[in-house]
Amino acid sequence: MLQYSEKTKKLINQIGSGDAAYIPKAITCAIKTLDKIAVDENLPENIRNEAAFAAANLVLSDYNDD
């Protein structure tokens, strides 16, 4: 498993145990969240650019959340 923040690891454990909701269309959720980060003018520009880059790559990938 990749190295994730403690916050992410905690949620992985909660979702895996059933204590938190699993979202079946997780990639679409991630794209929407990254896009929200990309347009948040309260965040540093480099973070916004990284979020936009990640969202764009996910959109252009072969994902299918149907």
C-alpha atoms as a PDB file:
ATOM      1  CA  MET A   1       0.000   0.000   0.000  1.00  0.00           C
ATOM      2  CA  LEU A   2       1.217   3.490  -0.766  1.00  0.00           C
ATOM      3  CA  GLN A   3       2.080   5.852   2.047  1.00  0.00           C
ATOM      4  CA  TYR A   4      -0.980   7.901   2.987  1.00  0.00           C
ATOM      5  CA  SER A   5      -1.585  10.500   5.655  1.00  0.00           C
ATOM      6  CA  GLU A   6      -2.895   9.399   9.020  1.00  0.00           C
ATOM      7  CA  LYS A   7      -6.217  11.062   8.186  1.00  0.00           C
ATOM      8  CA  THR A   8      -6.556   8.971   5.003  1.00  0.00           C
ATOM      9  CA  LYS A   9      -5.451   5.762   6.751  1.00  0.00           C
ATOM     10  CA  LYS A  10      -8.075   6.339   9.444  1.00  0.00           C
ATOM     11  CA  LEU A  11     -10.821   6.661   6.813  1.00  0.00           C
ATOM     12  CA  ILE A  12      -9.550   3.592   4.927  1.00  0.00           C
ATOM     13  CA  ASN A  13      -9.923   1.605   8.134  1.00  0.00           C
ATOM     14  CA  GLN A  14     -13.374   3.065   8.856  1.00  0.00           C
ATOM     15  CA  ILE A  15     -14.661   2.318   5.346  1.00  0.00           C
ATOM     16  CA  GLY A  16     -13.110  -1.160   5.384  1.00  0.00           C
ATOM     17  CA  SER A  17     -14.741  -1.983   8.709  1.00  0.00           C
ATOM     18  CA  GLY A  18     -18.125  -0.625   7.668  1.00  0.00           C
ATOM     19  CA  ASP A  19     -18.002   2.250  10.181  1.00  0.00           C
ATOM     20  CA  ALA A  20     -18.015   4.819   7.335  1.00  0.00           C
ATOM     21  CA  ALA A  21     -19.861   4.806   4.042  1.00  0.00           C
ATOM     22  CA  TYR A  22     -18.302   3.333   0.903  1.00  0.00           C
ATOM     23  CA  ILE A  23     -18.958   5.341  -2.264  1.00  0.00           C
ATOM     24  CA  PRO A  24     -19.362   3.034  -5.276  1.00  0.00           C
ATOM     25  CA  LYS A  25     -18.496   5.799  -7.762  1.00  0.00           C
ATOM     26  CA  ALA A  26     -15.283   6.731  -5.975  1.00  0.00           C
ATOM     27  CA  ILE A  27     -13.390   8.011  -9.024  1.00  0.00           C
ATOM     28  CA  THR A  28     -16.172  10.445  -9.908  1.00  0.00           C
ATOM     29  CA  CYS A  29     -16.201  11.553  -6.267  1.00  0.00           C
ATOM     30  CA  ALA A  30     -12.428  12.098  -6.400  1.00  0.00           C
ATOM     31  CA  ILE A  31     -12.641  14.125  -9.617  1.00  0.00           C
ATOM     32  CA  LYS A  32     -15.350  16.368  -8.173  1.00  0.00           C
ATOM     33  CA  THR A  33     -13.377  16.858  -4.953  1.00  0.00           C
ATOM     34  CA  LEU A  34     -10.140  17.640  -6.796  1.00  0.00           C
ATOM     35  CA  ASP A  35     -12.009  20.135  -8.977  1.00  0.00           C
ATOM     36  CA  LYS A  36     -13.393  21.870  -5.869  1.00  0.00           C
ATOM     37  CA  ILE A  37      -9.843  22.143  -4.534  1.00  0.00           C
ATOM     38  CA  ALA A  38      -8.637  23.495  -7.903  1.00  0.00           C
ATOM     39  CA  VAL A  39     -11.052  26.431  -7.797  1.00  0.00           C
ATOM     40  CA  ASP A  40     -10.674  27.264  -4.089  1.00  0.00           C
ATOM     41  CA  GLU A  41      -8.920  30.634  -4.119  1.00  0.00           C
ATOM     42  CA  ASN A  42      -8.175  30.298  -0.383  1.00  0.00           C
ATOM     43  CA  LEU A  43      -5.622  27.577  -1.151  1.00  0.00           C
ATOM     44  CA  PRO A  44      -2.088  28.108  -2.476  1.00  0.00           C
ATOM     45  CA  GLU A  45      -1.804  28.153  -6.270  1.00  0.00           C
ATOM     46  CA  ASN A  46       0.546  25.150  -6.360  1.00  0.00           C
ATOM     47  CA  ILE A  47      -1.991  23.003  -4.479  1.00  0.00           C
ATOM     48  CA  ARG A  48      -4.759  24.157  -6.803  1.00  0.00           C
ATOM     49  CA  ASN A  49      -2.615  23.324  -9.841  1.00  0.00           C
ATOM     50  CA  GLU A  50      -1.803  19.856  -8.488  1.00  0.00           C
ATOM     51  CA  ALA A  51      -5.500  19.174  -7.872  1.00  0.00           C
ATOM     52  CA  ALA A  52      -6.453  20.348 -11.368  1.00  0.00           C
ATOM     53  CA  PHE A  53      -3.701  18.200 -12.910  1.00  0.00           C
ATOM     54  CA  ALA A  54      -4.833  15.118 -10.987  1.00  0.00           C
ATOM     55  CA  ALA A  55      -8.496  15.709 -11.878  1.00  0.00           C
ATOM     56  CA  ALA A  56      -7.686  16.192 -15.559  1.00  0.00           C
ATOM     57  CA  ASN A  57      -5.662  12.969 -15.653  1.00  0.00           C
ATOM     58  CA  LEU A  58      -8.480  11.021 -14.009  1.00  0.00           C
ATOM     59  CA  VAL A  59     -11.003  12.422 -16.483  1.00  0.00           C
ATOM     60  CA  LEU A  60      -8.792  11.369 -19.398  1.00  0.00           C
ATOM     61  CA  SER A  61      -8.019   7.943 -17.948  1.00  0.00           C
ATOM     62  CA  ASP A  62      -9.972   4.830 -18.781  1.00  0.00           C
ATOM     63  CA  TYR A  63     -12.095   4.984 -15.639  1.00  0.00           C
ATOM     64  CA  ASN A  64     -15.713   3.903 -15.776  1.00  0.00           C
ATOM     65  CA  ASP A  65     -18.020   4.677 -12.848  1.00  0.00           C
ATOM     66  CA  ASP A  66     -21.178   3.518 -14.626  1.00  0.00           C
END
